[in-house]
PDB file of all heavy atoms in Angstrom:
ATOM      1  N   ILE A   1       0.836  -1.204   0.000  1.00  0.00           N
ATOM      2  CA  ILE A   1       0.000   0.000   0.000  1.00  0.00           C
ATOM      3  C   ILE A   1       0.867   1.250   0.000  1.00  0.00           C
ATOM      4  O   ILE A   1       0.623   2.203  -0.747  1.00  0.00           O
ATOM      5  CB  ILE A   1      -0.959  -0.007   1.200  1.00  0.00           C
ATOM      6  CG1 ILE A   1      -1.973  -1.137   1.058  1.00  0.00           C
ATOM      7  CG2 ILE A   1      -1.663   1.338   1.348  1.00  0.00           C
ATOM      8  CD1 ILE A   1      -2.825  -1.367   2.278  1.00  0.00           C
ATOM      9  N   LEU A   2       1.911   1.261   0.817  1.00  0.00           N
ATOM     10  CA  LEU A   2       2.820   2.405   0.879  1.00  0.00           C
ATOM     11  C   LEU A   2       3.539   2.608  -0.454  1.00  0.00           C
ATOM     12  O   LEU A   2       3.658   3.743  -0.938  1.00  0.00           O
ATOM     13  CB  LEU A   2       3.834   2.209   2.007  1.00  0.00           C
ATOM     14  CG  LEU A   2       4.804   3.351   2.242  1.00  0.00           C
ATOM     15  CD1 LEU A   2       4.044   4.614   2.646  1.00  0.00           C
ATOM     16  CD2 LEU A   2       5.805   2.969   3.310  1.00  0.00           C
ATOM     17  N   ALA A   3       3.984   1.524  -1.068  1.00  0.00           N
ATOM     18  CA  ALA A   3       4.665   1.623  -2.360  1.00  0.00           C
ATOM     19  C   ALA A   3       3.720   2.156  -3.438  1.00  0.00           C
ATOM     20  O   ALA A   3       4.119   2.960  -4.286  1.00  0.00           O
ATOM     21  CB  ALA A   3       5.213   0.269  -2.767  1.00  0.00           C
ATOM     22  N   THR A   4       2.470   1.734  -3.395  1.00  0.00           N
ATOM     23  CA  THR A   4       1.489   2.210  -4.367  1.00  0.00           C
ATOM     24  C   THR A   4       1.226   3.701  -4.186  1.00  0.00           C
ATOM     25  O   THR A   4       1.155   4.456  -5.169  1.00  0.00           O
ATOM     26  CB  THR A   4       0.170   1.425  -4.229  1.00  0.00           C
ATOM     27  OG1 THR A   4       0.446   0.029  -4.408  1.00  0.00           O
ATOM     28  CG2 THR A   4      -0.844   1.868  -5.255  1.00  0.00           C
ATOM     29  N   LEU A   5       1.104   4.142  -2.947  1.00  0.00           N
ATOM     30  CA  LEU A   5       0.878   5.566  -2.686  1.00  0.00           C
ATOM     31  C   LEU A   5       2.069   6.414  -3.130  1.00  0.00           C
ATOM     32  O   LEU A   5       1.891   7.484  -3.711  1.00  0.00           O
ATOM     33  CB  LEU A   5       0.599   5.792  -1.207  1.00  0.00           C
ATOM     34  CG  LEU A   5      -0.768   5.308  -0.712  1.00  0.00           C
ATOM     35  CD1 LEU A   5      -0.856   5.461   0.798  1.00  0.00           C
ATOM     36  CD2 LEU A   5      -1.883   6.053  -1.396  1.00  0.00           C
ATOM     37  N   ILE A   6       3.265   5.931  -2.871  1.00  0.00           N
ATOM     38  CA  ILE A   6       4.469   6.665  -3.288  1.00  0.00           C
ATOM     39  C   ILE A   6       4.544   6.742  -4.808  1.00  0.00           C
ATOM     40  O   ILE A   6       4.872   7.792  -5.373  1.00  0.00           O
ATOM     41  CB  ILE A   6       5.735   6.015  -2.687  1.00  0.00           C
ATOM     42  CG1 ILE A   6       5.765   6.254  -1.182  1.00  0.00           C
ATOM     43  CG2 ILE A   6       6.991   6.565  -3.348  1.00  0.00           C
ATOM     44  CD1 ILE A   6       6.853   5.496  -0.459  1.00  0.00           C
ATOM     45  N   ALA A   7       4.208   5.645  -5.491  1.00  0.00           N
ATOM     46  CA  ALA A   7       4.218   5.644  -6.955  1.00  0.00           C
ATOM     47  C   ALA A   7       3.203   6.639  -7.507  1.00  0.00           C
ATOM     48  O   ALA A   7       3.483   7.343  -8.485  1.00  0.00           O
ATOM     49  CB  ALA A   7       3.931   4.243  -7.481  1.00  0.00           C
ATOM     50  N   CYS A   8       2.041   6.722  -6.874  1.00  0.00           N
ATOM     51  CA  CYS A   8       1.018   7.684  -7.314  1.00  0.00           C
ATOM     52  C   CYS A   8       1.485   9.120  -7.121  1.00  0.00           C
ATOM     53  O   CYS A   8       1.267   9.967  -7.988  1.00  0.00           O
ATOM     54  CB  CYS A   8      -0.284   7.447  -6.556  1.00  0.00           C
ATOM     55  SG  CYS A   8      -1.123   5.933  -7.027  1.00  0.00           S
ATOM     56  N   VAL A   9       2.125   9.389  -5.997  1.00  0.00           N
ATOM     57  CA  VAL A   9       2.623  10.742  -5.730  1.00  0.00           C
ATOM     58  C   VAL A   9       3.712  11.123  -6.739  1.00  0.00           C
ATOM     59  O   VAL A   9       3.722  12.243  -7.257  1.00  0.00           O
ATOM     60  CB  VAL A   9       3.140  10.856  -4.279  1.00  0.00           C
ATOM     61  CG1 VAL A   9       3.920  12.141  -4.061  1.00  0.00           C
ATOM     62  CG2 VAL A   9       1.982  10.760  -3.301  1.00  0.00           C
ATOM     63  N   ILE A  10       4.599  10.201  -7.046  1.00  0.00           N
ATOM     64  CA  ILE A  10       5.648  10.472  -8.031  1.00  0.00           C
ATOM     65  C   ILE A  10       5.034  10.737  -9.397  1.00  0.00           C
ATOM     66  O   ILE A  10       5.405  11.690 -10.100  1.00  0.00           O
ATOM     67  CB  ILE A  10       6.654   9.307  -8.089  1.00  0.00           C
ATOM     68  CG1 ILE A  10       7.480   9.267  -6.808  1.00  0.00           C
ATOM     69  CG2 ILE A  10       7.553   9.408  -9.319  1.00  0.00           C
ATOM     70  CD1 ILE A  10       8.329   8.029  -6.667  1.00  0.00           C
ATOM     71  N   HIS A  11       4.077   9.912  -9.789  1.00  0.00           N
ATOM     72  CA  HIS A  11       3.439  10.050 -11.098  1.00  0.00           C
ATOM     73  C   HIS A  11       2.711  11.395 -11.219  1.00  0.00           C
ATOM     74  O   HIS A  11       2.937  12.147 -12.178  1.00  0.00           O
ATOM     75  CB  HIS A  11       2.457   8.886 -11.305  1.00  0.00           C
ATOM     76  CG  HIS A  11       1.721   8.956 -12.596  1.00  0.00           C
ATOM     77  ND1 HIS A  11       2.198   8.366 -13.741  1.00  0.00           N
ATOM     78  CD2 HIS A  11       0.550   9.547 -12.922  1.00  0.00           C
ATOM     79  CE1 HIS A  11       1.342   8.600 -14.718  1.00  0.00           C
ATOM     80  NE2 HIS A  11       0.332   9.318 -14.250  1.00  0.00           N
ATOM     81  N   GLU A  12       1.855  11.686 -10.269  1.00  0.00           N
ATOM     82  CA  GLU A  12       1.087  12.936 -10.317  1.00  0.00           C
ATOM     83  C   GLU A  12       1.992  14.146 -10.118  1.00  0.00           C
ATOM     84  O   GLU A  12       1.749  15.210 -10.681  1.00  0.00           O
ATOM     85  CB  GLU A  12      -0.038  12.923  -9.285  1.00  0.00           C
ATOM     86  CG  GLU A  12      -1.054  11.818  -9.510  1.00  0.00           C
ATOM     87  CD  GLU A  12      -1.688  11.846 -10.890  1.00  0.00           C
ATOM     88  OE1 GLU A  12      -1.850  12.938 -11.472  1.00  0.00           O
ATOM     89  OE2 GLU A  12      -2.032  10.772 -11.389  1.00  0.00           O
ATOM     90  N   GLY A  13       3.050  13.990  -9.324  1.00  0.00           N
ATOM     91  CA  GLY A  13       4.016  15.068  -9.149  1.00  0.00           C
ATOM     92  C   GLY A  13       4.718  15.424 -10.448  1.00  0.00           C
ATOM     93  O   GLY A  13       5.038  16.585 -10.697  1.00  0.00           O
ATOM     94  N   GLY A  14       4.957  14.422 -11.290  1.00  0.00           N
ATOM     95  CA  GLY A  14       5.555  14.682 -12.604  1.00  0.00           C
ATOM     96  C   GLY A  14       4.672  15.564 -13.463  1.00  0.00           C
ATOM     97  O   GLY A  14       5.145  16.496 -14.108  1.00  0.00           O
ATOM     98  N   HIS A  15       3.363  15.269 -13.471  1.00  0.00           N
ATOM     99  CA  HIS A  15       2.430  16.123 -14.207  1.00  0.00           C
ATOM    100  C   HIS A  15       2.440  17.544 -13.646  1.00  0.00           C
ATOM    101  O   HIS A  15       2.488  18.519 -14.390  1.00  0.00           O
ATOM    102  CB  HIS A  15       0.995  15.581 -14.092  1.00  0.00           C
ATOM    103  CG  HIS A  15       0.769  14.266 -14.764  1.00  0.00           C
ATOM    104  ND1 HIS A  15       1.011  14.044 -16.095  1.00  0.00           N
ATOM    105  CD2 HIS A  15       0.291  13.094 -14.267  1.00  0.00           C
ATOM    106  CE1 HIS A  15       0.692  12.799 -16.391  1.00  0.00           C
ATOM    107  NE2 HIS A  15       0.257  12.201 -15.296  1.00  0.00           N
ATOM    108  N   TYR A  16       2.388  17.635 -12.332  1.00  0.00           N
ATOM    109  CA  TYR A  16       2.320  18.941 -11.672  1.00  0.00           C
ATOM    110  C   TYR A  16       3.574  19.774 -11.964  1.00  0.00           C
ATOM    111  O   TYR A  16       3.479  20.951 -12.314  1.00  0.00           O
ATOM    112  CB  TYR A  16       2.139  18.754 -10.170  1.00  0.00           C
ATOM    113  CG  TYR A  16       2.073  20.054  -9.414  1.00  0.00           C
ATOM    114  CD1 TYR A  16       0.913  20.808  -9.406  1.00  0.00           C
ATOM    115  CD2 TYR A  16       3.180  20.534  -8.728  1.00  0.00           C
ATOM    116  CE1 TYR A  16       0.847  22.015  -8.731  1.00  0.00           C
ATOM    117  CE2 TYR A  16       3.129  21.730  -8.048  1.00  0.00           C
ATOM    118  CZ  TYR A  16       1.957  22.469  -8.051  1.00  0.00           C
ATOM    119  OH  TYR A  16       1.917  23.659  -7.385  1.00  0.00           O
ATOM    120  N   LEU A  17       4.741  19.166 -11.824  1.00  0.00           N
ATOM    121  CA  LEU A  17       5.987  19.906 -12.042  1.00  0.00           C
ATOM    122  C   LEU A  17       6.144  20.344 -13.493  1.00  0.00           C
ATOM    123  O   LEU A  17       6.632  21.446 -13.763  1.00  0.00           O
ATOM    124  CB  LEU A  17       7.184  19.070 -11.588  1.00  0.00           C
ATOM    125  CG  LEU A  17       7.300  18.860 -10.084  1.00  0.00           C
ATOM    126  CD1 LEU A  17       8.462  17.923  -9.768  1.00  0.00           C
ATOM    127  CD2 LEU A  17       7.465  20.180  -9.358  1.00  0.00           C
ATOM    128  N   ALA A  18       5.741  19.491 -14.424  1.00  0.00           N
ATOM    129  CA  ALA A  18       5.823  19.862 -15.838  1.00  0.00           C
ATOM    130  C   ALA A  18       4.892  21.035 -16.132  1.00  0.00           C
ATOM    131  O   ALA A  18       5.259  21.959 -16.872  1.00  0.00           O
ATOM    132  CB  ALA A  18       5.482  18.678 -16.726  1.00  0.00           C
ATOM    133  N   ALA A  19       3.705  21.010 -15.566  1.00  0.00           N
ATOM    134  CA  ALA A  19       2.769  22.115 -15.786  1.00  0.00           C
ATOM    135  C   ALA A  19       3.312  23.405 -15.194  1.00  0.00           C
ATOM    136  O   ALA A  19       3.221  24.476 -15.807  1.00  0.00           O
ATOM    137  CB  ALA A  19       1.409  21.776 -15.173  1.00  0.00           C
ATOM    138  N   ARG A  20       3.885  23.334 -14.008  1.00  0.00           N
ATOM    139  CA  ARG A  20       4.452  24.529 -13.367  1.00  0.00           C
ATOM    140  C   ARG A  20       5.643  25.053 -14.175  1.00  0.00           C
ATOM    141  O   ARG A  20       5.873  26.256 -14.226  1.00  0.00           O
ATOM    142  CB  ARG A  20       4.886  24.224 -11.938  1.00  0.00           C
ATOM    143  CG  ARG A  20       3.738  23.878 -11.011  1.00  0.00           C
ATOM    144  CD  ARG A  20       2.704  24.970 -10.906  1.00  0.00           C
ATOM    145  NE  ARG A  20       3.293  26.138 -10.271  1.00  0.00           N
ATOM    146  CZ  ARG A  20       2.817  27.364 -10.392  1.00  0.00           C
ATOM    147  NH1 ARG A  20       1.747  27.591 -11.093  1.00  0.00           N
ATOM    148  NH2 ARG A  20       3.404  28.359  -9.796  1.00  0.00           N
ATOM    149  N   LEU A  21       6.399  24.159 -14.798  1.00  0.00           N
ATOM    150  CA  LEU A  21       7.525  24.561 -15.632  1.00  0.00           C
ATOM    151  C   LEU A  21       7.050  25.454 -16.780  1.00  0.00           C
ATOM    152  O   LEU A  21       7.734  26.403 -17.166  1.00  0.00           O
ATOM    153  CB  LEU A  21       8.248  23.331 -16.179  1.00  0.00           C
ATOM    154  CG  LEU A  21       9.427  23.574 -17.100  1.00  0.00           C
ATOM    155  CD1 LEU A  21      10.594  24.150 -16.304  1.00  0.00           C
ATOM    156  CD2 LEU A  21       9.837  22.294 -17.772  1.00  0.00           C
ATOM    157  N   PHE A  22       5.866  25.156 -17.308  1.00  0.00           N
ATOM    158  CA  PHE A  22       5.304  25.947 -18.406  1.00  0.00           C
ATOM    159  C   PHE A  22       4.401  27.075 -17.910  1.00  0.00           C
ATOM    160  O   PHE A  22       3.743  27.737 -18.700  1.00  0.00           O
ATOM    161  CB  PHE A  22       4.509  25.048 -19.354  1.00  0.00           C
ATOM    162  CG  PHE A  22       5.360  24.053 -20.081  1.00  0.00           C
ATOM    163  CD1 PHE A  22       5.054  22.708 -20.045  1.00  0.00           C
ATOM    164  CD2 PHE A  22       6.472  24.452 -20.798  1.00  0.00           C
ATOM    165  CE1 PHE A  22       5.828  21.788 -20.714  1.00  0.00           C
ATOM    166  CE2 PHE A  22       7.263  23.541 -21.470  1.00  0.00           C
ATOM    167  CZ  PHE A  22       6.937  22.198 -21.430  1.00  0.00           C
ATOM    168  N   GLY A  23       4.339  27.279 -16.606  1.00  0.00           N
ATOM    169  CA  GLY A  23       3.551  28.368 -16.066  1.00  0.00           C
ATOM    170  C   GLY A  23       2.063  28.077 -15.981  1.00  0.00           C
ATOM    171  O   GLY A  23       1.253  28.993 -15.886  1.00  0.00           O
ATOM    172  N   LYS A  24       1.690  26.815 -16.026  1.00  0.00           N
ATOM    173  CA  LYS A  24       0.281  26.423 -15.950  1.00  0.00           C
ATOM    174  C   LYS A  24       0.005  25.816 -14.583  1.00  0.00           C
ATOM    175  O   LYS A  24       0.902  25.379 -13.879  1.00  0.00           O
ATOM    176  CB  LYS A  24      -0.067  25.391 -17.037  1.00  0.00           C
ATOM    177  CG  LYS A  24       0.198  25.870 -18.433  1.00  0.00           C
ATOM    178  CD  LYS A  24      -0.693  27.020 -18.775  1.00  0.00           C
ATOM    179  CE  LYS A  24      -0.393  27.540 -20.172  1.00  0.00           C
ATOM    180  NZ  LYS A  24      -1.123  28.726 -20.479  1.00  0.00           N
ATOM    181  N   ARG A  25      -1.261  25.786 -14.215  1.00  0.00           N
ATOM    182  CA  ARG A  25      -1.679  25.160 -12.963  1.00  0.00           C
ATOM    183  C   ARG A  25      -2.647  24.040 -13.282  1.00  0.00           C
ATOM    184  O   ARG A  25      -3.568  24.218 -14.063  1.00  0.00           O
ATOM    185  CB  ARG A  25      -2.355  26.167 -12.058  1.00  0.00           C
ATOM    186  CG  ARG A  25      -1.396  27.224 -11.560  1.00  0.00           C
ATOM    187  CD  ARG A  25      -1.998  27.979 -10.431  1.00  0.00           C
ATOM    188  NE  ARG A  25      -2.171  27.109  -9.286  1.00  0.00           N
ATOM    189  CZ  ARG A  25      -1.436  27.166  -8.187  1.00  0.00           C
ATOM    190  NH1 ARG A  25      -0.493  28.060  -8.107  1.00  0.00           N
ATOM    191  NH2 ARG A  25      -1.655  26.361  -7.188  1.00  0.00           N
ATOM    192  N   LEU A  26      -2.413  22.897 -12.672  1.00  0.00           N
ATOM    193  CA  LEU A  26      -3.344  21.781 -12.800  1.00  0.00           C
ATOM    194  C   LEU A  26      -4.310  21.831 -11.639  1.00  0.00           C
ATOM    195  O   LEU A  26      -3.932  22.146 -10.513  1.00  0.00           O
ATOM    196  CB  LEU A  26      -2.599  20.445 -12.784  1.00  0.00           C
ATOM    197  CG  LEU A  26      -1.627  20.205 -13.929  1.00  0.00           C
ATOM    198  CD1 LEU A  26      -0.962  18.845 -13.754  1.00  0.00           C
ATOM    199  CD2 LEU A  26      -2.330  20.268 -15.255  1.00  0.00           C
ATOM    200  N   ARG A  27      -5.540  21.515 -11.893  1.00  0.00           N
ATOM    201  CA  ARG A  27      -6.540  21.459 -10.836  1.00  0.00           C
ATOM    202  C   ARG A  27      -6.845  20.001 -10.542  1.00  0.00           C
ATOM    203  O   ARG A  27      -7.355  19.280 -11.401  1.00  0.00           O
ATOM    204  CB  ARG A  27      -7.803  22.189 -11.261  1.00  0.00           C
ATOM    205  CG  ARG A  27      -7.555  23.665 -11.410  1.00  0.00           C
ATOM    206  CD  ARG A  27      -8.850  24.422 -11.536  1.00  0.00           C
ATOM    207  NE  ARG A  27      -8.522  25.828 -11.619  1.00  0.00           N
ATOM    208  CZ  ARG A  27      -9.017  26.634 -12.512  1.00  0.00           C
ATOM    209  NH1 ARG A  27      -9.883  26.195 -13.388  1.00  0.00           N
ATOM    210  NH2 ARG A  27      -8.673  27.906 -12.526  1.00  0.00           N
ATOM    211  N   PHE A  28      -6.509  19.577  -9.345  1.00  0.00           N
ATOM    212  CA  PHE A  28      -6.801  18.216  -8.928  1.00  0.00           C
ATOM    213  C   PHE A  28      -8.176  18.195  -8.282  1.00  0.00           C
ATOM    214  O   PHE A  28      -8.542  19.094  -7.548  1.00  0.00           O
ATOM    215  CB  PHE A  28      -5.748  17.718  -7.936  1.00  0.00           C
ATOM    216  CG  PHE A  28      -4.418  17.450  -8.563  1.00  0.00           C
ATOM    217  CD1 PHE A  28      -3.467  18.443  -8.644  1.00  0.00           C
ATOM    218  CD2 PHE A  28      -4.131  16.207  -9.085  1.00  0.00           C
ATOM    219  CE1 PHE A  28      -2.238  18.203  -9.234  1.00  0.00           C
ATOM    220  CE2 PHE A  28      -2.904  15.956  -9.680  1.00  0.00           C
ATOM    221  CZ  PHE A  28      -1.960  16.958  -9.744  1.00  0.00           C
ATOM    222  N   ARG A  29      -8.938  17.147  -8.570  1.00  0.00           N
ATOM    223  CA  ARG A  29     -10.257  16.991  -7.974  1.00  0.00           C
ATOM    224  C   ARG A  29     -10.539  15.518  -7.744  1.00  0.00           C
ATOM    225  O   ARG A  29      -9.910  14.652  -8.339  1.00  0.00           O
ATOM    226  CB  ARG A  29     -11.335  17.626  -8.846  1.00  0.00           C
ATOM    227  CG  ARG A  29     -11.448  17.030 -10.220  1.00  0.00           C
ATOM    228  CD  ARG A  29     -12.464  17.789 -11.068  1.00  0.00           C
ATOM    229  NE  ARG A  29     -12.380  17.377 -12.456  1.00  0.00           N
ATOM    230  CZ  ARG A  29     -13.003  16.330 -12.966  1.00  0.00           C
ATOM    231  NH1 ARG A  29     -13.761  15.574 -12.208  1.00  0.00           N
ATOM    232  NH2 ARG A  29     -12.868  16.024 -14.236  1.00  0.00           N
ATOM    233  N   PHE A  30     -11.485  15.260  -6.889  1.00  0.00           N
ATOM    234  CA  PHE A  30     -11.893  13.909  -6.565  1.00  0.00           C
ATOM    235  C   PHE A  30     -13.033  13.517  -7.491  1.00  0.00           C
ATOM    236  O   PHE A  30     -13.928  14.313  -7.750  1.00  0.00           O
ATOM    237  CB  PHE A  30     -12.359  13.849  -5.102  1.00  0.00           C
ATOM    238  CG  PHE A  30     -12.818  12.507  -4.670  1.00  0.00           C
ATOM    239  CD1 PHE A  30     -11.906  11.527  -4.345  1.00  0.00           C
ATOM    240  CD2 PHE A  30     -14.160  12.215  -4.596  1.00  0.00           C
ATOM    241  CE1 PHE A  30     -12.321  10.286  -3.934  1.00  0.00           C
ATOM    242  CE2 PHE A  30     -14.593  10.979  -4.199  1.00  0.00           C
ATOM    243  CZ  PHE A  30     -13.674  10.001  -3.863  1.00  0.00           C
ATOM    244  N   ALA A  31     -12.992  12.289  -8.013  1.00  0.00           N
ATOM    245  CA  ALA A  31     -14.051  11.826  -8.903  1.00  0.00           C
ATOM    246  C   ALA A  31     -14.264  10.332  -8.705  1.00  0.00           C
ATOM    247  O   ALA A  31     -13.374   9.617  -8.222  1.00  0.00           O
ATOM    248  CB  ALA A  31     -13.694  12.115 -10.358  1.00  0.00           C
ATOM    249  N   TRP A  32     -15.418   9.893  -9.077  1.00  0.00           N
ATOM    250  CA  TRP A  32     -15.715   8.463  -9.038  1.00  0.00           C
ATOM    251  C   TRP A  32     -15.359   7.871 -10.382  1.00  0.00           C
ATOM    252  O   TRP A  32     -15.845   8.303 -11.415  1.00  0.00           O
ATOM    253  CB  TRP A  32     -17.178   8.212  -8.711  1.00  0.00           C
ATOM    254  CG  TRP A  32     -17.502   8.618  -7.317  1.00  0.00           C
ATOM    255  CD1 TRP A  32     -18.122   9.761  -6.919  1.00  0.00           C
ATOM    256  CD2 TRP A  32     -17.173   7.902  -6.126  1.00  0.00           C
ATOM    257  NE1 TRP A  32     -18.204   9.802  -5.550  1.00  0.00           N
ATOM    258  CE2 TRP A  32     -17.636   8.667  -5.041  1.00  0.00           C
ATOM    259  CE3 TRP A  32     -16.542   6.698  -5.863  1.00  0.00           C
ATOM    260  CZ2 TRP A  32     -17.485   8.264  -3.724  1.00  0.00           C
ATOM    261  CZ3 TRP A  32     -16.391   6.294  -4.545  1.00  0.00           C
ATOM    262  CH2 TRP A  32     -16.861   7.069  -3.500  1.00  0.00           C
ATOM    263  N   GLY A  33     -14.488   6.895 -10.371  1.00  0.00           N
ATOM    264  CA  GLY A  33     -14.043   6.257 -11.602  1.00  0.00           C
ATOM    265  C   GLY A  33     -14.940   5.104 -12.007  1.00  0.00           C
ATOM    266  O   GLY A  33     -16.089   4.997 -11.589  1.00  0.00           O
ATOM    267  N   ARG A  34     -14.394   4.239 -12.803  1.00  0.00           N
ATOM    268  CA  ARG A  34     -15.139   3.072 -13.265  1.00  0.00           C
ATOM    269  C   ARG A  34     -15.467   2.150 -12.106  1.00  0.00           C
ATOM    270  O   ARG A  34     -14.675   1.972 -11.191  1.00  0.00           O
ATOM    271  CB  ARG A  34     -14.335   2.308 -14.303  1.00  0.00           C
ATOM    272  CG  ARG A  34     -14.167   3.067 -15.577  1.00  0.00           C
ATOM    273  CD  ARG A  34     -13.449   2.225 -16.582  1.00  0.00           C
ATOM    274  NE  ARG A  34     -13.227   3.008 -17.787  1.00  0.00           N
ATOM    275  CZ  ARG A  34     -12.482   2.618 -18.772  1.00  0.00           C
ATOM    276  NH1 ARG A  34     -11.872   1.462 -18.712  1.00  0.00           N
ATOM    277  NH2 ARG A  34     -12.335   3.390 -19.826  1.00  0.00           N
ATOM    278  N   PHE A  35     -16.613   1.561 -12.177  1.00  0.00           N
ATOM    279  CA  PHE A  35     -17.064   0.577 -11.190  1.00  0.00           C
ATOM    280  C   PHE A  35     -17.116   1.151  -9.778  1.00  0.00           C
ATOM    281  O   PHE A  35     -16.956   0.431  -8.807  1.00  0.00           O
ATOM    282  CB  PHE A  35     -16.193  -0.683 -11.228  1.00  0.00           C
ATOM    283  CG  PHE A  35     -16.014  -1.247 -12.609  1.00  0.00           C
ATOM    284  CD1 PHE A  35     -14.787  -1.209 -13.237  1.00  0.00           C
ATOM    285  CD2 PHE A  35     -17.088  -1.793 -13.293  1.00  0.00           C
ATOM    286  CE1 PHE A  35     -14.611  -1.732 -14.498  1.00  0.00           C
ATOM    287  CE2 PHE A  35     -16.924  -2.307 -14.568  1.00  0.00           C
ATOM    288  CZ  PHE A  35     -15.690  -2.280 -15.178  1.00  0.00           C
ATOM    289  N   GLY A  36     -17.286   2.476  -9.670  1.00  0.00           N
ATOM    290  CA  GLY A  36     -17.426   3.101  -8.364  1.00  0.00           C
ATOM    291  C   GLY A  36     -16.137   3.243  -7.580  1.00  0.00           C
ATOM    292  O   GLY A  36     -16.155   3.469  -6.381  1.00  0.00           O
TER     293      GLY A  36
END
């Protein structure tokens, strides 16, 4: 579980840092995915 959470943070952090590099802001939100 800890490894999965760390992998998610690294993955989403990559998106966030790339967007900030270009001067953009990503908006994170909570959503219900497939199968609830």
